[in-house]
C-alpha atoms as a PDB file:
ATOM      1  CA  UNK A   1       0.074   0.136   0.023  1.00  0.00           C
ATOM      2  CA  UNK A   2       1.336   3.353  -1.044  1.00  0.00           C
ATOM      3  CA  UNK A   3       1.445   5.941   1.374  1.00  0.00           C
ATOM      4  CA  UNK A   4      -0.561   9.595   0.219  1.00  0.00           C
ATOM      5  CA  UNK A   5       1.022  12.882   0.579  1.00  0.00           C
ATOM      6  CA  UNK A   6      -0.434  16.015   1.266  1.00  0.00           C
ATOM      7  CA  UNK A   7      -0.017  18.773   3.030  1.00  0.00           C
ATOM      8  CA  UNK A   8      -0.954  20.152   6.854  1.00  0.00           C
ATOM      9  CA  UNK A   9      -3.894  22.546   5.146  1.00  0.00           C
ATOM     10  CA  UNK A  10      -5.931  20.190   2.911  1.00  0.00           C
ATOM     11  CA  UNK A  11      -5.534  17.517   5.535  1.00  0.00           C
ATOM     12  CA  UNK A  12      -7.417  19.734   8.301  1.00  0.00           C
ATOM     13  CA  UNK A  13      -9.324  21.247   5.302  1.00  0.00           C
ATOM     14  CA  UNK A  14     -10.316  17.648   4.745  1.00  0.00           C
ATOM     15  CA  UNK A  15      -9.498  15.372   7.728  1.00  0.00           C
ATOM     16  CA  UNK A  16     -13.829  13.668   7.881  1.00  0.00           C
ATOM     17  CA  UNK A  17     -12.737  12.526   4.126  1.00  0.00           C
ATOM     18  CA  UNK A  18      -9.284  11.107   5.609  1.00  0.00           C
ATOM     19  CA  UNK A  19     -10.786   9.911   9.023  1.00  0.00           C
ATOM     20  CA  UNK A  20     -13.739   7.751   7.355  1.00  0.00           C
ATOM     21  CA  UNK A  21     -12.834   6.832   3.435  1.00  0.00           C
ATOM     22  CA  UNK A  22      -8.594   6.467   3.875  1.00  0.00           C
ATOM     23  CA  UNK A  23      -7.250   3.547   3.028  1.00  0.00           C
ATOM     24  CA  UNK A  24      -3.918   4.053   2.514  1.00  0.00           C
ATOM     25  CA  UNK A  25      -1.546   5.786   5.171  1.00  0.00           C
ATOM     26  CA  UNK A  26      -1.122   9.603   4.816  1.00  0.00           C
ATOM     27  CA  UNK A  27       1.686  11.482   5.236  1.00  0.00           C
ATOM     28  CA  UNK A  28       1.160  15.141   6.113  1.00  0.00           C
ATOM     29  CA  UNK A  29       3.817  17.066   5.089  1.00  0.00           C
ATOM     30  CA  UNK A  30       4.043  21.561   5.947  1.00  0.00           C
ATOM     31  CA  UNK A  31       6.655  23.260   3.348  1.00  0.00           C
ATOM     32  CA  UNK A  32       7.805  20.009   1.770  1.00  0.00           C
ATOM     33  CA  UNK A  33       9.056  18.167   5.218  1.00  0.00           C
ATOM     34  CA  UNK A  34       6.378  15.355   6.474  1.00  0.00           C
ATOM     35  CA  UNK A  35       5.373  15.597  10.070  1.00  0.00           C
ATOM     36  CA  UNK A  36       3.457  13.335  10.491  1.00  0.00           C
ATOM     37  CA  UNK A  37       1.541   9.887   9.296  1.00  0.00           C
ATOM     38  CA  UNK A  38      -2.086   9.200   9.635  1.00  0.00           C
ATOM     39  CA  UNK A  39      -2.278   5.396   9.563  1.00  0.00           C
ATOM     40  CA  UNK A  40      -5.833   4.580   8.954  1.00  0.00           C
ATOM     41  CA  UNK A  41      -8.005   2.112  11.160  1.00  0.00           C
ATOM     42  CA  UNK A  42      -9.875  -0.379   9.588  1.00  0.00           C
ATOM     43  CA  UNK A  43     -13.304  -1.340  11.035  1.00  0.00           C
ATOM     44  CA  UNK A  44     -13.135  -5.123  10.999  1.00  0.00           C
ATOM     45  CA  UNK A  45     -10.081  -7.173   9.664  1.00  0.00           C
ATOM     46  CA  UNK A  46     -10.974 -10.022   7.477  1.00  0.00           C
ATOM     47  CA  UNK A  47     -10.072 -13.036   8.152  1.00  0.00           C
ATOM     48  CA  UNK A  48      -7.618 -13.955   5.787  1.00  0.00           C
ATOM     49  CA  UNK A  49      -6.027 -10.239   6.990  1.00  0.00           C
ATOM     50  CA  UNK A  50      -6.267 -12.206  10.695  1.00  0.00           C
ATOM     51  CA  UNK A  51      -3.924 -14.754   9.833  1.00  0.00           C
ATOM     52  CA  UNK A  52      -1.350 -13.268   7.043  1.00  0.00           C
ATOM     53  CA  UNK A  53      -0.690 -11.038  10.550  1.00  0.00           C
ATOM     54  CA  UNK A  54      -0.375 -14.023  13.266  1.00  0.00           C
ATOM     55  CA  UNK A  55       1.647 -15.601   9.997  1.00  0.00           C
ATOM     56  CA  UNK A  56       4.041 -12.963   9.937  1.00  0.00           C
ATOM     57  CA  UNK A  57       4.458 -12.378  13.895  1.00  0.00           C
ATOM     58  CA  UNK A  58       4.896 -16.005  14.011  1.00  0.00           C
ATOM     59  CA  UNK A  59       7.325 -16.141  11.519  1.00  0.00           C
ATOM     60  CA  UNK A  60       9.216 -12.712  13.129  1.00  0.00           C
ATOM     61  CA  UNK A  61       9.369 -14.322  16.829  1.00  0.00           C
ATOM     62  CA  UNK A  62      11.155 -17.756  14.370  1.00  0.00           C
ATOM     63  CA  UNK A  63      14.243 -15.333  13.524  1.00  0.00           C
ATOM     64  CA  UNK A  64      14.372 -13.947  17.064  1.00  0.00           C
ATOM     65  CA  UNK A  65      14.445 -17.121  18.507  1.00  0.00           C
ATOM     66  CA  UNK A  66      16.623 -18.271  16.258  1.00  0.00           C
ATOM     67  CA  UNK A  67      19.257 -15.294  16.340  1.00  0.00           C
ATOM     68  CA  UNK A  68      18.667 -15.293  20.744  1.00  0.00           C
ATOM     69  CA  UNK A  69      17.234 -11.664  20.579  1.00  0.00           C
ATOM     70  CA  UNK A  70      14.590 -10.554  23.260  1.00  0.00           C
ATOM     71  CA  UNK A  71      11.998  -8.469  22.924  1.00  0.00           C
ATOM     72  CA  UNK A  72      12.997  -6.204  24.791  1.00  0.00           C
ATOM     73  CA  UNK A  73      16.822  -5.667  23.261  1.00  0.00           C
ATOM     74  CA  UNK A  74      14.728  -4.700  19.819  1.00  0.00           C
ATOM     75  CA  UNK A  75      12.455  -1.832  22.367  1.00  0.00           C
ATOM     76  CA  UNK A  76      15.798  -0.171  23.748  1.00  0.00           C
ATOM     77  CA  UNK A  77      17.364  -0.266  20.288  1.00  0.00           C
ATOM     78  CA  UNK A  78      14.082   1.441  19.043  1.00  0.00           C
ATOM     79  CA  UNK A  79      13.809   3.769  21.370  1.00  0.00           C
ATOM     80  CA  UNK A  80      17.801   4.824  21.010  1.00  0.00           C
ATOM     81  CA  UNK A  81      18.018   5.201  17.353  1.00  0.00           C
ATOM     82  CA  UNK A  82      14.354   7.448  17.726  1.00  0.00           C
ATOM     83  CA  UNK A  83      16.155   9.362  20.329  1.00  0.00           C
ATOM     84  CA  UNK A  84      19.335   9.903  18.086  1.00  0.00           C
ATOM     85  CA  UNK A  85      16.360  10.806  14.872  1.00  0.00           C
ATOM     86  CA  UNK A  86      15.034  13.169  17.194  1.00  0.00           C
ATOM     87  CA  UNK A  87      18.956  15.595  17.878  1.00  0.00           C
END
């Protein structure tokens, strides 16, 4: 699914439309720089979507187990990476 880029004013002006009708993630920009994302939540997930998510989670857990990586390590690494990005 491709992300749609729109300006902050357009997002604000058409907020109801994006909230109710958007299927794709929206990158919100200000002067060309991305300042945030809107990721629409589906009201109901299909059984196929649920099965795909469960399969992806299982595969990810297998990779973590094979590499001996704990979930807490990933969270810590992500927080450190995110802090560096903010600087």
